[in-house]
Amino acid sequence: LRRYNRSMFQREAYLTHTLPIKPWQLIVVKLLSAFLWLIITGIVTWFSLMIFAFTFQGQGFTMEFPIIQGFGKLHLSATAIAYLLTQSLAVLGEIVFSLLLLYTISTFVHSSFVQRYRTPIGIAIFFVVEMALSFVLSFLISTMKLYDPIQNNMFNLIVYWALNVGCFYLNVYLLKHKLEVA
């Protein structure tokens, strides 16, 4: 987020916004680079935990990895594959939404709509949107009686990818029409 703010709204923004590319391309590149860093961070964290677990295995510290031990006995049915696929795409949608929401809020507080107190307003907007979304999704899932995990995943997948499209186009609109670079 700090890198996004610096390149989009501070000194580097003059160069960024004079490049011969469209605002949607800027957002896609920022999103891809942030996502890549998240993946790299996750992989490094996972390897660090593995090294930690195997280093201290015999010294009074035990760490069980049933998921790793179960790979040899893995037998996936069509339902399990459908669940894993929908769950993976739903989680991907949630991660992309979190990034896009942060980018959109950051762009909004640097627009002509917000003149002062940008950081507290941005933090407040983020928490309000996250709480409202959590409440609405919980309410919808409970009223729709989506007890099947695959249906629940499909619902989350559709909702989050629709929110991604909305955040993306709102961010593009703000960058094109309402941006104020300091």
Protein backbone atom coordinates (compact mmCIF):
# COMPACT_ATOMS: atom_id res chain seq x y z
CA LEU A 1 0.00 0.00 0.00
CA ARG A 2 2.85 2.35 0.81
CA ARG A 3 4.43 1.68 -2.58
CA TYR A 4 1.07 2.26 -4.29
CA ASN A 5 0.62 5.58 -2.48
CA ARG A 6 4.13 6.73 -3.21
CA SER A 7 4.01 5.96 -6.92
CA MET A 8 0.45 7.19 -7.44
CA PHE A 9 0.10 10.24 -5.19
CA GLN A 10 3.51 11.62 -4.15
CA ARG A 11 6.57 12.85 -6.07
CA GLU A 12 6.76 9.79 -8.33
CA ALA A 13 3.12 10.32 -9.31
CA TYR A 14 4.03 12.96 -11.85
CA LEU A 15 6.06 10.41 -13.79
CA THR A 16 3.52 7.63 -13.23
CA HIS A 17 0.61 9.66 -14.54
CA THR A 18 2.48 11.02 -17.55
CA LEU A 19 3.32 7.56 -18.84
CA PRO A 20 1.46 6.63 -22.01
CA ILE A 21 -0.66 3.99 -20.28
CA LYS A 22 -4.25 3.99 -19.14
CA PRO A 23 -5.30 4.07 -15.46
CA TRP A 24 -6.67 0.52 -15.62
CA GLN A 25 -3.25 -0.70 -16.73
CA LEU A 26 -1.64 1.04 -13.73
CA ILE A 27 -4.06 -0.69 -11.38
CA VAL A 28 -3.52 -4.12 -12.97
CA VAL A 29 0.27 -3.79 -12.71
CA LYS A 30 0.07 -2.62 -9.08
CA LEU A 31 -2.31 -5.47 -8.27
CA LEU A 32 -0.13 -8.11 -9.94
CA SER A 33 3.02 -6.92 -8.20
CA ALA A 34 1.28 -6.84 -4.79
CA PHE A 35 -0.13 -10.31 -5.39
CA LEU A 36 3.31 -11.61 -6.38
CA TRP A 37 4.79 -10.20 -3.16
CA LEU A 38 2.02 -11.86 -1.14
CA ILE A 39 2.80 -15.23 -2.74
CA ILE A 40 6.54 -14.84 -2.16
CA THR A 41 5.92 -13.83 1.46
CA GLY A 42 3.66 -16.83 1.98
CA ILE A 43 6.22 -19.24 0.53
CA VAL A 44 9.05 -17.79 2.63
CA THR A 45 6.88 -17.95 5.76
CA TRP A 46 5.95 -21.57 5.05
CA PHE A 47 9.60 -22.58 4.53
CA SER A 48 10.57 -20.72 7.71
CA LEU A 49 7.98 -22.65 9.70
CA MET A 50 9.19 -25.92 8.18
CA ILE A 51 12.82 -25.14 9.07
CA PHE A 52 11.76 -24.13 12.58
CA ALA A 53 9.70 -27.29 13.04
CA PHE A 54 12.38 -29.66 11.78
CA THR A 55 15.17 -27.89 13.70
CA PHE A 56 13.46 -28.18 17.07
CA GLN A 57 11.72 -31.53 16.48
CA GLY A 58 13.75 -33.53 18.99
CA GLN A 59 14.25 -30.80 21.61
CA GLY A 60 10.91 -30.96 23.37
CA PHE A 61 9.09 -29.21 20.58
CA THR A 62 6.75 -31.27 18.50
CA MET A 63 4.79 -30.03 15.57
CA GLU A 64 2.45 -32.30 13.72
CA PHE A 65 1.75 -31.78 10.05
CA PRO A 66 -1.22 -34.05 9.35
CA ILE A 67 -1.84 -32.42 6.00
CA ILE A 68 1.68 -33.34 4.84
CA GLN A 69 1.46 -36.84 6.29
CA GLY A 70 -1.89 -37.37 4.56
CA PHE A 71 -0.59 -36.66 1.05
CA GLY A 72 0.41 -40.31 0.62
CA LYS A 73 -3.15 -41.44 1.30
CA LEU A 74 -4.77 -38.72 -0.78
CA HIS A 75 -7.76 -39.81 -2.81
CA LEU A 76 -9.79 -37.00 -4.32
CA SER A 77 -13.34 -37.48 -5.42
CA ALA A 78 -15.08 -35.18 -7.89
CA THR A 79 -16.81 -33.44 -4.98
CA ALA A 80 -13.49 -32.87 -3.20
CA ILE A 81 -11.93 -31.46 -6.37
CA ALA A 82 -14.94 -29.17 -6.90
CA TYR A 83 -14.68 -28.00 -3.30
CA LEU A 84 -10.93 -27.33 -3.54
CA LEU A 85 -11.34 -25.47 -6.83
CA THR A 86 -14.22 -23.28 -5.63
CA GLN A 87 -12.49 -22.65 -2.30
CA SER A 88 -9.25 -21.66 -4.05
CA LEU A 89 -11.02 -19.27 -6.42
CA ALA A 90 -13.07 -17.78 -3.58
CA VAL A 91 -9.95 -17.18 -1.47
CA LEU A 92 -8.21 -15.68 -4.49
CA GLY A 93 -11.21 -13.38 -4.97
CA GLU A 94 -11.06 -12.32 -1.32
CA ILE A 95 -7.34 -11.55 -1.52
CA VAL A 96 -7.76 -9.53 -4.72
CA PHE A 97 -10.73 -7.73 -3.17
CA SER A 98 -8.71 -6.78 -0.09
CA LEU A 99 -5.95 -5.34 -2.27
CA LEU A 100 -8.38 -3.55 -4.59
CA LEU A 101 -10.35 -2.17 -1.64
CA LEU A 102 -7.16 -0.74 -0.11
CA TYR A 103 -6.17 0.76 -3.48
CA THR A 104 -9.64 2.20 -4.07
CA ILE A 105 -9.84 3.75 -0.61
CA SER A 106 -6.34 5.17 -1.01
CA THR A 107 -7.32 6.67 -4.36
CA PHE A 108 -10.58 8.01 -2.90
CA VAL A 109 -8.86 9.83 -0.03
CA HIS A 110 -6.47 11.40 -2.56
CA SER A 111 -9.35 12.58 -4.72
CA SER A 112 -11.18 15.89 -4.76
CA PHE A 113 -13.74 14.41 -2.34
CA VAL A 114 -11.36 14.42 0.66
CA GLN A 115 -9.33 17.52 1.41
CA ARG A 116 -8.07 16.92 4.97
CA TYR A 117 -7.58 14.05 7.43
CA ARG A 118 -6.95 11.57 4.65
CA THR A 119 -5.39 8.79 6.73
CA PRO A 120 -8.05 8.63 9.48
CA ILE A 121 -10.83 8.87 6.89
CA GLY A 122 -9.27 6.05 4.86
CA ILE A 123 -8.92 3.82 7.93
CA ALA A 124 -12.51 4.52 8.95
CA ILE A 125 -13.82 3.78 5.46
CA PHE A 126 -11.88 0.50 5.35
CA PHE A 127 -13.27 -0.74 8.66
CA VAL A 128 -16.83 0.35 7.85
CA VAL A 129 -16.74 -1.39 4.46
CA GLU A 130 -15.23 -4.58 5.90
CA MET A 131 -17.72 -4.75 8.79
CA ALA A 132 -20.69 -3.99 6.54
CA LEU A 133 -19.57 -6.58 4.01
CA SER A 134 -19.05 -9.20 6.72
CA PHE A 135 -22.49 -8.52 8.15
CA VAL A 136 -24.23 -8.58 4.77
CA LEU A 137 -22.48 -11.78 3.63
CA SER A 138 -23.24 -13.55 6.92
CA PHE A 139 -26.87 -12.47 6.71
CA LEU A 140 -27.21 -13.55 3.08
CA ILE A 141 -25.57 -16.93 3.64
CA SER A 142 -27.76 -17.64 6.66
CA THR A 143 -30.98 -16.59 4.91
CA MET A 144 -30.14 -18.46 1.72
CA LYS A 145 -29.38 -21.56 3.81
CA LEU A 146 -26.19 -22.38 1.96
CA TYR A 147 -25.13 -25.32 4.09
CA ASP A 148 -23.39 -27.12 1.26
CA PRO A 149 -19.72 -26.02 1.28
CA ILE A 150 -19.52 -25.94 -2.52
CA GLN A 151 -22.61 -23.70 -2.79
CA ASN A 152 -21.20 -21.46 -0.08
CA ASN A 153 -17.88 -21.23 -1.95
CA MET A 154 -19.68 -20.47 -5.24
CA PHE A 155 -21.68 -17.71 -3.55
CA ASN A 156 -18.51 -16.18 -2.06
CA LEU A 157 -16.72 -16.55 -5.39
CA ILE A 158 -19.47 -14.69 -7.29
CA VAL A 159 -19.84 -11.98 -4.66
CA TYR A 160 -16.14 -11.26 -4.29
CA TRP A 161 -15.42 -11.23 -8.01
CA ALA A 162 -18.40 -8.88 -8.55
CA LEU A 163 -17.00 -6.64 -5.79
CA ASN A 164 -13.59 -6.82 -7.49
CA VAL A 165 -15.06 -5.54 -10.75
CA GLY A 166 -16.86 -2.75 -8.88
CA CYS A 167 -13.74 -1.68 -6.96
CA PHE A 168 -11.63 -1.85 -10.09
CA TYR A 169 -13.92 0.40 -12.12
CA LEU A 170 -14.45 2.81 -9.21
CA ASN A 171 -10.67 3.10 -8.88
CA VAL A 172 -10.29 3.71 -12.63
CA TYR A 173 -12.99 6.39 -12.50
CA LEU A 174 -11.36 8.12 -9.54
CA LEU A 175 -7.95 8.06 -11.20
CA LYS A 176 -9.34 9.48 -14.44
CA HIS A 177 -11.66 12.15 -13.11
CA LYS A 178 -11.14 13.00 -9.43
CA LEU A 179 -7.45 12.54 -8.66
CA GLU A 180 -5.47 15.26 -6.87
CA VAL A 181 -1.73 14.63 -6.79
CA ALA A 182 0.21 16.47 -4.07
